[in-house]
PDB file of N, CA and C in Angstrom:
ATOM      1  N   MET A   1     -10.437   0.404  -3.055  1.00  0.00           N
ATOM      2  CA  MET A   1      -9.275  -0.362  -3.445  1.00  0.00           C
ATOM      3  C   MET A   1      -9.429  -1.774  -2.893  1.00  0.00           C
ATOM      4  N   ASN A   2      -9.764  -2.697  -3.769  1.00  0.00           N
ATOM      5  CA  ASN A   2     -10.023  -4.061  -3.295  1.00  0.00           C
ATOM      6  C   ASN A   2      -8.884  -5.034  -3.580  1.00  0.00           C
ATOM      7  N   CYS A   3      -7.722  -4.501  -4.015  1.00  0.00           N
ATOM      8  CA  CYS A   3      -6.625  -5.397  -4.366  1.00  0.00           C
ATOM      9  C   CYS A   3      -5.277  -4.716  -4.139  1.00  0.00           C
ATOM     10  N   SER A   4      -4.334  -5.495  -3.670  1.00  0.00           N
ATOM     11  CA  SER A   4      -2.930  -5.075  -3.686  1.00  0.00           C
ATOM     12  C   SER A   4      -2.118  -6.271  -4.161  1.00  0.00           C
ATOM     13  N   VAL A   5      -1.067  -5.978  -4.914  1.00  0.00           N
ATOM     14  CA  VAL A   5      -0.234  -7.035  -5.478  1.00  0.00           C
ATOM     15  C   VAL A   5       1.228  -6.670  -5.256  1.00  0.00           C
ATOM     16  N   ALA A   6       1.965  -7.583  -4.661  1.00  0.00           N
ATOM     17  CA  ALA A   6       3.413  -7.433  -4.539  1.00  0.00           C
ATOM     18  C   ALA A   6       4.040  -8.158  -5.723  1.00  0.00           C
ATOM     19  N   ILE A   7       4.809  -7.422  -6.522  1.00  0.00           N
ATOM     20  CA  ILE A   7       5.389  -7.963  -7.751  1.00  0.00           C
ATOM     21  C   ILE A   7       6.910  -7.982  -7.624  1.00  0.00           C
ATOM     22  N   GLN A   8       7.480  -9.161  -7.771  1.00  0.00           N
ATOM     23  CA  GLN A   8       8.934  -9.301  -7.840  1.00  0.00           C
ATOM     24  C   GLN A   8       9.268  -9.754  -9.255  1.00  0.00           C
ATOM     25  N   TYR A   9       9.888  -8.874 -10.013  1.00  0.00           N
ATOM     26  CA  TYR A   9      10.218  -9.116 -11.416  1.00  0.00           C
ATOM     27  C   TYR A   9      11.709  -9.402 -11.503  1.00  0.00           C
ATOM     28  N   LEU A  10      12.064 -10.601 -11.953  1.00  0.00           N
ATOM     29  CA  LEU A  10      13.461 -11.029 -11.986  1.00  0.00           C
ATOM     30  C   LEU A  10      13.902 -11.399 -13.400  1.00  0.00           C
ATOM     31  N   PRO A  11      14.643 -10.506 -14.083  1.00  0.00           N
ATOM     32  CA  PRO A  11      15.178 -10.850 -15.396  1.00  0.00           C
ATOM     33  C   PRO A  11      16.200 -11.982 -15.244  1.00  0.00           C
ATOM     34  N   MET A  12      15.995 -13.062 -15.953  1.00  0.00           N
ATOM     35  CA  MET A  12      16.872 -14.226 -15.819  1.00  0.00           C
ATOM     36  C   MET A  12      18.038 -14.203 -16.804  1.00  0.00           C
ATOM     37  N   ASP A  13      17.940 -13.362 -17.819  1.00  0.00           N
ATOM     38  CA  ASP A  13      18.984 -13.369 -18.843  1.00  0.00           C
ATOM     39  C   ASP A  13      19.822 -12.092 -18.864  1.00  0.00           C
ATOM     40  N   ALA A  14      19.697 -11.271 -17.827  1.00  0.00           N
ATOM     41  CA  ALA A  14      20.506 -10.055 -17.761  1.00  0.00           C
ATOM     42  C   ALA A  14      21.971 -10.436 -17.521  1.00  0.00           C
ATOM     43  N   SER A  15      22.870  -9.741 -18.197  1.00  0.00           N
ATOM     44  CA  SER A  15      24.285 -10.103 -18.151  1.00  0.00           C
ATOM     45  C   SER A  15      25.024  -9.540 -16.941  1.00  0.00           C
ATOM     46  N   CYS A  16      24.448  -8.523 -16.263  1.00  0.00           N
ATOM     47  CA  CYS A  16      25.118  -7.909 -15.119  1.00  0.00           C
ATOM     48  C   CYS A  16      24.084  -7.167 -14.274  1.00  0.00           C
ATOM     49  N   ASP A  17      24.497  -6.704 -13.119  1.00  0.00           N
ATOM     50  CA  ASP A  17      23.585  -5.985 -12.227  1.00  0.00           C
ATOM     51  C   ASP A  17      23.006  -4.741 -12.896  1.00  0.00           C
ATOM     52  N   GLU A  18      23.823  -4.025 -13.649  1.00  0.00           N
ATOM     53  CA  GLU A  18      23.350  -2.809 -14.315  1.00  0.00           C
ATOM     54  C   GLU A  18      22.242  -3.127 -15.318  1.00  0.00           C
ATOM     55  N   GLU A  19      22.387  -4.227 -16.029  1.00  0.00           N
ATOM     56  CA  GLU A  19      21.359  -4.636 -16.995  1.00  0.00           C
ATOM     57  C   GLU A  19      20.083  -5.056 -16.272  1.00  0.00           C
ATOM     58  N   THR A  20      20.234  -5.775 -15.175  1.00  0.00           N
ATOM     59  CA  THR A  20      19.073  -6.146 -14.370  1.00  0.00           C
ATOM     60  C   THR A  20      18.335  -4.894 -13.914  1.00  0.00           C
ATOM     61  N   CYS A  21      19.070  -3.925 -13.375  1.00  0.00           N
ATOM     62  CA  CYS A  21      18.448  -2.692 -12.894  1.00  0.00           C
ATOM     63  C   CYS A  21      17.785  -1.913 -14.023  1.00  0.00           C
ATOM     64  N   ARG A  22      18.406  -1.881 -15.181  1.00  0.00           N
ATOM     65  CA  ARG A  22      17.826  -1.164 -16.328  1.00  0.00           C
ATOM     66  C   ARG A  22      16.473  -1.752 -16.706  1.00  0.00           C
ATOM     67  N   ILE A  23      16.404  -3.062 -16.770  1.00  0.00           N
ATOM     68  CA  ILE A  23      15.146  -3.721 -17.158  1.00  0.00           C
ATOM     69  C   ILE A  23      14.094  -3.536 -16.067  1.00  0.00           C
ATOM     70  N   VAL A  24      14.475  -3.745 -14.818  1.00  0.00           N
ATOM     71  CA  VAL A  24      13.526  -3.564 -13.713  1.00  0.00           C
ATOM     72  C   VAL A  24      13.045  -2.114 -13.669  1.00  0.00           C
ATOM     73  N   ASP A  25      13.931  -1.159 -13.931  1.00  0.00           N
ATOM     74  CA  ASP A  25      13.526   0.247 -13.969  1.00  0.00           C
ATOM     75  C   ASP A  25      12.468   0.504 -15.042  1.00  0.00           C
ATOM     76  N   GLU A  26      12.592  -0.169 -16.183  1.00  0.00           N
ATOM     77  CA  GLU A  26      11.579  -0.034 -17.241  1.00  0.00           C
ATOM     78  C   GLU A  26      10.218  -0.530 -16.749  1.00  0.00           C
ATOM     79  N   VAL A  27      10.216  -1.634 -16.033  1.00  0.00           N
ATOM     80  CA  VAL A  27       8.973  -2.192 -15.503  1.00  0.00           C
ATOM     81  C   VAL A  27       8.381  -1.250 -14.452  1.00  0.00           C
ATOM     82  N   ILE A  28       9.216  -0.713 -13.581  1.00  0.00           N
ATOM     83  CA  ILE A  28       8.723   0.212 -12.551  1.00  0.00           C
ATOM     84  C   ILE A  28       8.202   1.498 -13.188  1.00  0.00           C
ATOM     85  N   THR A  29       8.858   1.980 -14.228  1.00  0.00           N
ATOM     86  CA  THR A  29       8.370   3.164 -14.944  1.00  0.00           C
ATOM     87  C   THR A  29       6.975   2.899 -15.517  1.00  0.00           C
ATOM     88  N   PHE A  30       6.782   1.709 -16.073  1.00  0.00           N
ATOM     89  CA  PHE A  30       5.453   1.330 -16.570  1.00  0.00           C
ATOM     90  C   PHE A  30       4.433   1.343 -15.437  1.00  0.00           C
ATOM     91  N   ILE A  31       4.775   0.727 -14.316  1.00  0.00           N
ATOM     92  CA  ILE A  31       3.857   0.700 -13.167  1.00  0.00           C
ATOM     93  C   ILE A  31       3.514   2.124 -12.743  1.00  0.00           C
ATOM     94  N   ALA A  32       4.517   2.989 -12.653  1.00  0.00           N
ATOM     95  CA  ALA A  32       4.284   4.377 -12.240  1.00  0.00           C
ATOM     96  C   ALA A  32       3.356   5.098 -13.207  1.00  0.00           C
ATOM     97  N   SER A  33       3.454   4.776 -14.479  1.00  0.00           N
ATOM     98  CA  SER A  33       2.615   5.444 -15.489  1.00  0.00           C
ATOM     99  C   SER A  33       1.174   4.950 -15.489  1.00  0.00           C
ATOM    100  N   SER A  34       0.908   3.849 -14.778  1.00  0.00           N
ATOM    101  CA  SER A  34      -0.429   3.248 -14.802  1.00  0.00           C
ATOM    102  C   SER A  34      -1.450   4.024 -13.976  1.00  0.00           C
ATOM    103  N   GLY A  35      -0.973   4.859 -13.070  1.00  0.00           N
ATOM    104  CA  GLY A  35      -1.887   5.657 -12.259  1.00  0.00           C
ATOM    105  C   GLY A  35      -2.288   5.038 -10.934  1.00  0.00           C
ATOM    106  N   VAL A  36      -1.899   3.783 -10.683  1.00  0.00           N
ATOM    107  CA  VAL A  36      -2.240   3.175  -9.399  1.00  0.00           C
ATOM    108  C   VAL A  36      -1.240   3.627  -8.340  1.00  0.00           C
ATOM    109  N   ASP A  37      -1.651   3.538  -7.078  1.00  0.00           N
ATOM    110  CA  ASP A  37      -0.703   3.765  -6.000  1.00  0.00           C
ATOM    111  C   ASP A  37       0.297   2.622  -6.016  1.00  0.00           C
ATOM    112  N   TYR A  38       1.564   2.940  -5.777  1.00  0.00           N
ATOM    113  CA  TYR A  38       2.585   1.893  -5.771  1.00  0.00           C
ATOM    114  C   TYR A  38       3.672   2.260  -4.777  1.00  0.00           C
ATOM    115  N   PHE A  39       4.396   1.259  -4.329  1.00  0.00           N
ATOM    116  CA  PHE A  39       5.500   1.420  -3.396  1.00  0.00           C
ATOM    117  C   PHE A  39       6.640   0.527  -3.864  1.00  0.00           C
ATOM    118  N   VAL A  40       7.802   1.122  -4.110  1.00  0.00           N
ATOM    119  CA  VAL A  40       8.970   0.366  -4.548  1.00  0.00           C
ATOM    120  C   VAL A  40       9.798  -0.005  -3.323  1.00  0.00           C
ATOM    121  N   GLY A  41      10.001  -1.283  -3.135  1.00  0.00           N
ATOM    122  CA  GLY A  41      10.850  -1.774  -2.060  1.00  0.00           C
ATOM    123  C   GLY A  41      12.100  -2.411  -2.631  1.00  0.00           C
ATOM    124  N   PRO A  42      12.982  -2.887  -1.774  1.00  0.00           N
ATOM    125  CA  PRO A  42      14.236  -3.447  -2.255  1.00  0.00           C
ATOM    126  C   PRO A  42      14.096  -4.788  -2.983  1.00  0.00           C
ATOM    127  N   PHE A  43      12.995  -5.508  -2.749  1.00  0.00           N
ATOM    128  CA  PHE A  43      12.825  -6.826  -3.366  1.00  0.00           C
ATOM    129  C   PHE A  43      11.578  -6.932  -4.229  1.00  0.00           C
ATOM    130  N   GLU A  44      10.640  -6.002  -4.073  1.00  0.00           N
ATOM    131  CA  GLU A  44       9.391  -6.073  -4.827  1.00  0.00           C
ATOM    132  C   GLU A  44       8.739  -4.706  -4.862  1.00  0.00           C
ATOM    133  N   THR A  45       7.825  -4.550  -5.790  1.00  0.00           N
ATOM    134  CA  THR A  45       7.025  -3.341  -5.900  1.00  0.00           C
ATOM    135  C   THR A  45       5.582  -3.725  -5.631  1.00  0.00           C
ATOM    136  N   VAL A  46       4.910  -2.947  -4.792  1.00  0.00           N
ATOM    137  CA  VAL A  46       3.516  -3.206  -4.444  1.00  0.00           C
ATOM    138  C   VAL A  46       2.633  -2.211  -5.185  1.00  0.00           C
ATOM    139  N   ILE A  47       1.599  -2.727  -5.830  1.00  0.00           N
ATOM    140  CA  ILE A  47       0.605  -1.872  -6.478  1.00  0.00           C
ATOM    141  C   ILE A  47      -0.720  -2.045  -5.757  1.00  0.00           C
ATOM    142  N   GLU A  48      -1.541  -0.994  -5.781  1.00  0.00           N
ATOM    143  CA  GLU A  48      -2.840  -1.028  -5.102  1.00  0.00           C
ATOM    144  C   GLU A  48      -3.902  -0.423  -6.006  1.00  0.00           C
ATOM    145  N   GLY A  49      -5.067  -1.052  -6.055  1.00  0.00           N
ATOM    146  CA  GLY A  49      -6.156  -0.520  -6.864  1.00  0.00           C
ATOM    147  C   GLY A  49      -7.249  -1.536  -7.086  1.00  0.00           C
ATOM    148  N   ASP A  50      -7.972  -1.328  -8.163  1.00  0.00           N
ATOM    149  CA  ASP A  50      -9.033  -2.237  -8.579  1.00  0.00           C
ATOM    150  C   ASP A  50      -8.423  -3.562  -9.049  1.00  0.00           C
ATOM    151  N   TYR A  51      -9.065  -4.662  -8.707  1.00  0.00           N
ATOM    152  CA  TYR A  51      -8.547  -5.992  -9.025  1.00  0.00           C
ATOM    153  C   TYR A  51      -8.220  -6.160 -10.510  1.00  0.00           C
ATOM    154  N   ASP A  52      -9.160  -5.836 -11.388  1.00  0.00           N
ATOM    155  CA  ASP A  52      -8.934  -6.034 -12.819  1.00  0.00           C
ATOM    156  C   ASP A  52      -7.755  -5.207 -13.326  1.00  0.00           C
ATOM    157  N   LEU A  53      -7.638  -3.975 -12.854  1.00  0.00           N
ATOM    158  CA  LEU A  53      -6.525  -3.128 -13.270  1.00  0.00           C
ATOM    159  C   LEU A  53      -5.198  -3.688 -12.757  1.00  0.00           C
ATOM    160  N   CYS A  54      -5.170  -4.126 -11.515  1.00  0.00           N
ATOM    161  CA  CYS A  54      -3.939  -4.715 -10.966  1.00  0.00           C
ATOM    162  C   CYS A  54      -3.523  -5.958 -11.742  1.00  0.00           C
ATOM    163  N   MET A  55      -4.474  -6.787 -12.132  1.00  0.00           N
ATOM    164  CA  MET A  55      -4.148  -7.990 -12.900  1.00  0.00           C
ATOM    165  C   MET A  55      -3.634  -7.626 -14.287  1.00  0.00           C
ATOM    166  N   GLU A  56      -4.183  -6.589 -14.881  1.00  0.00           N
ATOM    167  CA  GLU A  56      -3.723  -6.132 -16.192  1.00  0.00           C
ATOM    168  C   GLU A  56      -2.287  -5.605 -16.099  1.00  0.00           C
ATOM    169  N   ILE A  57      -2.006  -4.847 -15.058  1.00  0.00           N
ATOM    170  CA  ILE A  57      -0.646  -4.335 -14.851  1.00  0.00           C
ATOM    171  C   ILE A  57       0.318  -5.494 -14.646  1.00  0.00           C
ATOM    172  N   LEU A  58      -0.055  -6.439 -13.804  1.00  0.00           N
ATOM    173  CA  LEU A  58       0.794  -7.607 -13.550  1.00  0.00           C
ATOM    174  C   LEU A  58       1.111  -8.337 -14.852  1.00  0.00           C
ATOM    175  N   LYS A  59       0.107  -8.552 -15.676  1.00  0.00           N
ATOM    176  CA  LYS A  59       0.305  -9.226 -16.970  1.00  0.00           C
ATOM    177  C   LYS A  59       1.264  -8.439 -17.857  1.00  0.00           C
ATOM    178  N   ASN A  60       1.071  -7.139 -17.910  1.00  0.00           N
ATOM    179  CA  ASN A  60       1.865  -6.323 -18.824  1.00  0.00           C
ATOM    180  C   ASN A  60       3.301  -6.108 -18.368  1.00  0.00           C
ATOM    181  N   CYS A  61       3.610  -6.355 -17.110  1.00  0.00           N
ATOM    182  CA  CYS A  61       5.004  -6.240 -16.664  1.00  0.00           C
ATOM    183  C   CYS A  61       5.911  -7.141 -17.498  1.00  0.00           C
ATOM    184  N   GLN A  62       5.451  -8.330 -17.811  1.00  0.00           N
ATOM    185  CA  GLN A  62       6.252  -9.251 -18.631  1.00  0.00           C
ATOM    186  C   GLN A  62       6.495  -8.677 -20.024  1.00  0.00           C
ATOM    187  N   LEU A  63       5.475  -8.075 -20.605  1.00  0.00           N
ATOM    188  CA  LEU A  63       5.581  -7.534 -21.955  1.00  0.00           C
ATOM    189  C   LEU A  63       6.492  -6.313 -21.999  1.00  0.00           C
ATOM    190  N   VAL A  64       6.410  -5.476 -20.971  1.00  0.00           N
ATOM    191  CA  VAL A  64       7.287  -4.300 -20.892  1.00  0.00           C
ATOM    192  C   VAL A  64       8.737  -4.746 -20.769  1.00  0.00           C
ATOM    193  N   GLY A  65       8.987  -5.735 -19.932  1.00  0.00           N
ATOM    194  CA  GLY A  65      10.335  -6.264 -19.791  1.00  0.00           C
ATOM    195  C   GLY A  65      10.856  -6.839 -21.099  1.00  0.00           C
ATOM    196  N   ALA A  66       9.993  -7.528 -21.825  1.00  0.00           N
ATOM    197  CA  ALA A  66      10.395  -8.098 -23.114  1.00  0.00           C
ATOM    198  C   ALA A  66      10.772  -6.984 -24.098  1.00  0.00           C
ATOM    199  N   LYS A  67      10.001  -5.906 -24.109  1.00  0.00           N
ATOM    200  CA  LYS A  67      10.330  -4.777 -24.986  1.00  0.00           C
ATOM    201  C   LYS A  67      11.652  -4.135 -24.595  1.00  0.00           C
ATOM    202  N   ALA A  68      12.013  -4.260 -23.309  1.00  0.00           N
ATOM    203  CA  ALA A  68      13.280  -3.706 -22.822  1.00  0.00           C
ATOM    204  C   ALA A  68      14.447  -4.649 -23.092  1.00  0.00           C
ATOM    205  N   GLY A  69      14.169  -5.819 -23.684  1.00  0.00           N
ATOM    206  CA  GLY A  69      15.227  -6.737 -24.056  1.00  0.00           C
ATOM    207  C   GLY A  69      15.331  -7.994 -23.214  1.00  0.00           C
ATOM    208  N   CYS A  70      14.436  -8.177 -22.276  1.00  0.00           N
ATOM    209  CA  CYS A  70      14.470  -9.367 -21.420  1.00  0.00           C
ATOM    210  C   CYS A  70      13.727 -10.509 -22.120  1.00  0.00           C
ATOM    211  N   THR A  71      14.429 -11.598 -22.399  1.00  0.00           N
ATOM    212  CA  THR A  71      13.801 -12.717 -23.089  1.00  0.00           C
ATOM    213  C   THR A  71      13.388 -13.848 -22.149  1.00  0.00           C
ATOM    214  N   HIS A  72      13.817 -13.758 -20.884  1.00  0.00           N
ATOM    215  CA  HIS A  72      13.470 -14.784 -19.899  1.00  0.00           C
ATOM    216  C   HIS A  72      13.300 -14.104 -18.551  1.00  0.00           C
ATOM    217  N   VAL A  73      12.116 -14.225 -17.977  1.00  0.00           N
ATOM    218  CA  VAL A  73      11.828 -13.567 -16.697  1.00  0.00           C
ATOM    219  C   VAL A  73      11.093 -14.524 -15.774  1.00  0.00           C
ATOM    220  N   MET A  74      11.367 -14.373 -14.494  1.00  0.00           N
ATOM    221  CA  MET A  74      10.576 -15.034 -13.457  1.00  0.00           C
ATOM    222  C   MET A  74       9.869 -13.910 -12.705  1.00  0.00           C
ATOM    223  N   THR A  75       8.556 -14.010 -12.584  1.00  0.00           N
ATOM    224  CA  THR A  75       7.796 -13.016 -11.844  1.00  0.00           C
ATOM    225  C   THR A  75       7.058 -13.716 -10.724  1.00  0.00           C
ATOM    226  N   TYR A  76       7.244 -13.194  -9.536  1.00  0.00           N
ATOM    227  CA  TYR A  76       6.554 -13.731  -8.364  1.00  0.00           C
ATOM    228  C   TYR A  76       5.561 -12.675  -7.903  1.00  0.00           C
ATOM    229  N   ALA A  77       4.325 -13.092  -7.625  1.00  0.00           N
ATOM    230  CA  ALA A  77       3.293 -12.153  -7.204  1.00  0.00           C
ATOM    231  C   ALA A  77       2.574 -12.675  -5.974  1.00  0.00           C
ATOM    232  N   LYS A  78       2.311 -11.756  -5.062  1.00  0.00           N
ATOM    233  CA  LYS A  78       1.460 -12.031  -3.909  1.00  0.00           C
ATOM    234  C   LYS A  78       0.241 -11.131  -4.064  1.00  0.00           C
ATOM    235  N   ILE A  79      -0.931 -11.720  -4.106  1.00  0.00           N
ATOM    236  CA  ILE A  79      -2.158 -10.987  -4.385  1.00  0.00           C
ATOM    237  C   ILE A  79      -3.037 -10.970  -3.143  1.00  0.00           C
ATOM    238  N   ASN A  80      -3.414  -9.764  -2.735  1.00  0.00           N
ATOM    239  CA  ASN A  80      -4.331  -9.558  -1.619  1.00  0.00           C
ATOM    240  C   ASN A  80      -5.617  -9.002  -2.221  1.00  0.00           C
ATOM    241  N   PHE A  81      -6.706  -9.737  -2.104  1.00  0.00           N
ATOM    242  CA  PHE A  81      -7.970  -9.352  -2.744  1.00  0.00           C
ATOM    243  C   PHE A  81      -9.124  -9.502  -1.769  1.00  0.00           C
ATOM    244  N   LYS A  82     -10.028  -8.537  -1.794  1.00  0.00           N
ATOM    245  CA  LYS A  82     -11.272  -8.622  -1.035  1.00  0.00           C
ATOM    246  C   LYS A  82     -12.428  -8.416  -2.002  1.00  0.00           C
ATOM    247  N   SER A  83     -13.355  -9.360  -2.031  1.00  0.00           N
ATOM    248  CA  SER A  83     -14.502  -9.213  -2.926  1.00  0.00           C
ATOM    249  C   SER A  83     -15.463  -8.147  -2.422  1.00  0.00           C
ATOM    250  N   GLU A  84     -15.425  -7.874  -1.124  1.00  0.00           N
ATOM    251  CA  GLU A  84     -16.239  -6.810  -0.535  1.00  0.00           C
ATOM    252  C   GLU A  84     -15.371  -5.996   0.402  1.00  0.00           C
ATOM    253  N   GLY A  85     -15.388  -4.691   0.254  1.00  0.00           N
ATOM    254  CA  GLY A  85     -14.582  -3.833   1.105  1.00  0.00           C
ATOM    255  C   GLY A  85     -13.200  -3.602   0.530  1.00  0.00           C
ATOM    256  N   ASP A  86     -12.398  -2.902   1.301  1.00  0.00           N
ATOM    257  CA  ASP A  86     -11.065  -2.523   0.860  1.00  0.00           C
ATOM    258  C   ASP A  86      -9.988  -3.340   1.570  1.00  0.00           C
ATOM    259  N   VAL A  87      -8.885  -3.555   0.873  1.00  0.00           N
ATOM    260  CA  VAL A  87      -7.714  -4.147   1.513  1.00  0.00           C
ATOM    261  C   VAL A  87      -6.982  -3.039   2.266  1.00  0.00           C
ATOM    262  N   MET A  88      -6.154  -3.416   3.225  1.00  0.00           N
ATOM    263  CA  MET A  88      -5.392  -2.436   3.980  1.00  0.00           C
ATOM    264  C   MET A  88      -4.325  -1.817   3.069  1.00  0.00           C
ATOM    265  N   ALA A  89      -4.246  -0.493   3.083  1.00  0.00           N
ATOM    266  CA  ALA A  89      -3.291   0.221   2.242  1.00  0.00           C
ATOM    267  C   ALA A  89      -1.867   0.046   2.756  1.00  0.00           C
ATOM    268  N   THR A  90      -0.924   0.075   1.834  1.00  0.00           N
ATOM    269  CA  THR A  90       0.494  -0.024   2.186  1.00  0.00           C
ATOM    270  C   THR A  90       0.885   1.050   3.185  1.00  0.00           C
ATOM    271  N   GLU A  91       0.405   2.262   2.973  1.00  0.00           N
ATOM    272  CA  GLU A  91       0.737   3.372   3.871  1.00  0.00           C
ATOM    273  C   GLU A  91       0.325   3.065   5.304  1.00  0.00           C
ATOM    274  N   LYS A  92      -0.834   2.460   5.479  1.00  0.00           N
ATOM    275  CA  LYS A  92      -1.287   2.105   6.823  1.00  0.00           C
ATOM    276  C   LYS A  92      -0.397   1.015   7.423  1.00  0.00           C
ATOM    277  N   LYS A  93       0.064   0.097   6.588  1.00  0.00           N
ATOM    278  CA  LYS A  93       0.894  -1.004   7.068  1.00  0.00           C
ATOM    279  C   LYS A  93       2.283  -0.538   7.479  1.00  0.00           C
ATOM    280  N   ILE A  94       2.913   0.320   6.689  1.00  0.00           N
ATOM    281  CA  ILE A  94       4.312   0.654   6.924  1.00  0.00           C
ATOM    282  C   ILE A  94       4.599   2.135   7.074  1.00  0.00           C
ATOM    283  N   GLY A  95       3.609   2.991   6.955  1.00  0.00           N
ATOM    284  CA  GLY A  95       3.826   4.438   7.020  1.00  0.00           C
ATOM    285  C   GLY A  95       4.566   4.892   8.257  1.00  0.00           C
ATOM    286  N   LYS A  96       4.307   4.269   9.389  1.00  0.00           N
ATOM    287  CA  LYS A  96       4.970   4.670  10.636  1.00  0.00           C
ATOM    288  C   LYS A  96       6.472   4.404  10.597  1.00  0.00           C
ATOM    289  N   TYR A  97       6.905   3.527   9.710  1.00  0.00           N
ATOM    290  CA  TYR A  97       8.329   3.220   9.575  1.00  0.00           C
ATOM    291  C   TYR A  97       9.029   4.136   8.566  1.00  0.00           C
ATOM    292  N   HIS A  98       8.248   4.893   7.811  1.00  0.00           N
ATOM    293  CA  HIS A  98       8.789   5.783   6.780  1.00  0.00           C
ATOM    294  C   HIS A  98       8.145   7.174   6.925  1.00  0.00           C
ATOM    295  N   PRO A  99       8.412   7.867   8.026  1.00  0.00           N
ATOM    296  CA  PRO A  99       7.739   9.156   8.253  1.00  0.00           C
ATOM    297  C   PRO A  99       8.077  10.215   7.211  1.00  0.00           C
ATOM    298  N   GLU A 100       9.197  10.075   6.502  1.00  0.00           N
ATOM    299  CA  GLU A 100       9.568  11.024   5.475  1.00  0.00           C
ATOM    300  C   GLU A 100       8.775  10.839   4.198  1.00  0.00           C
ATOM    301  N   GLY A 101       7.945   9.817   4.154  1.00  0.00           N
ATOM    302  CA  GLY A 101       7.143   9.516   2.968  1.00  0.00           C
ATOM    303  C   GLY A 101       7.831   8.517   2.062  1.00  0.00           C
ATOM    304  N   ARG A 102       7.102   8.127   1.033  1.00  0.00           N
ATOM    305  CA  ARG A 102       7.631   7.137   0.095  1.00  0.00           C
ATOM    306  C   ARG A 102       8.350   7.891  -0.962  1.00  0.00           C
TER     307      ARG A 102
END
């Protein structure tokens, strides 16, 4: 696993909190279906895997949101990449704070 990406997907045209959550849930469902390890947090979702796959998922988050009815989105991403070796896994970083699991 040479890449991890923290994705914050913000629908800008949602009319209420429920609509925002509905659209974000569609994006998270897509991420979950991709097969990569992921962790949903209160402000962002982190994905982990191969660099090219992570970039493809990041790109497609916008398209999934658009299919869910979002016409304007701001997406913020933090990318951790190593050209050789593995990046530190989310579980190693925060697992001790979540002993019940993700």
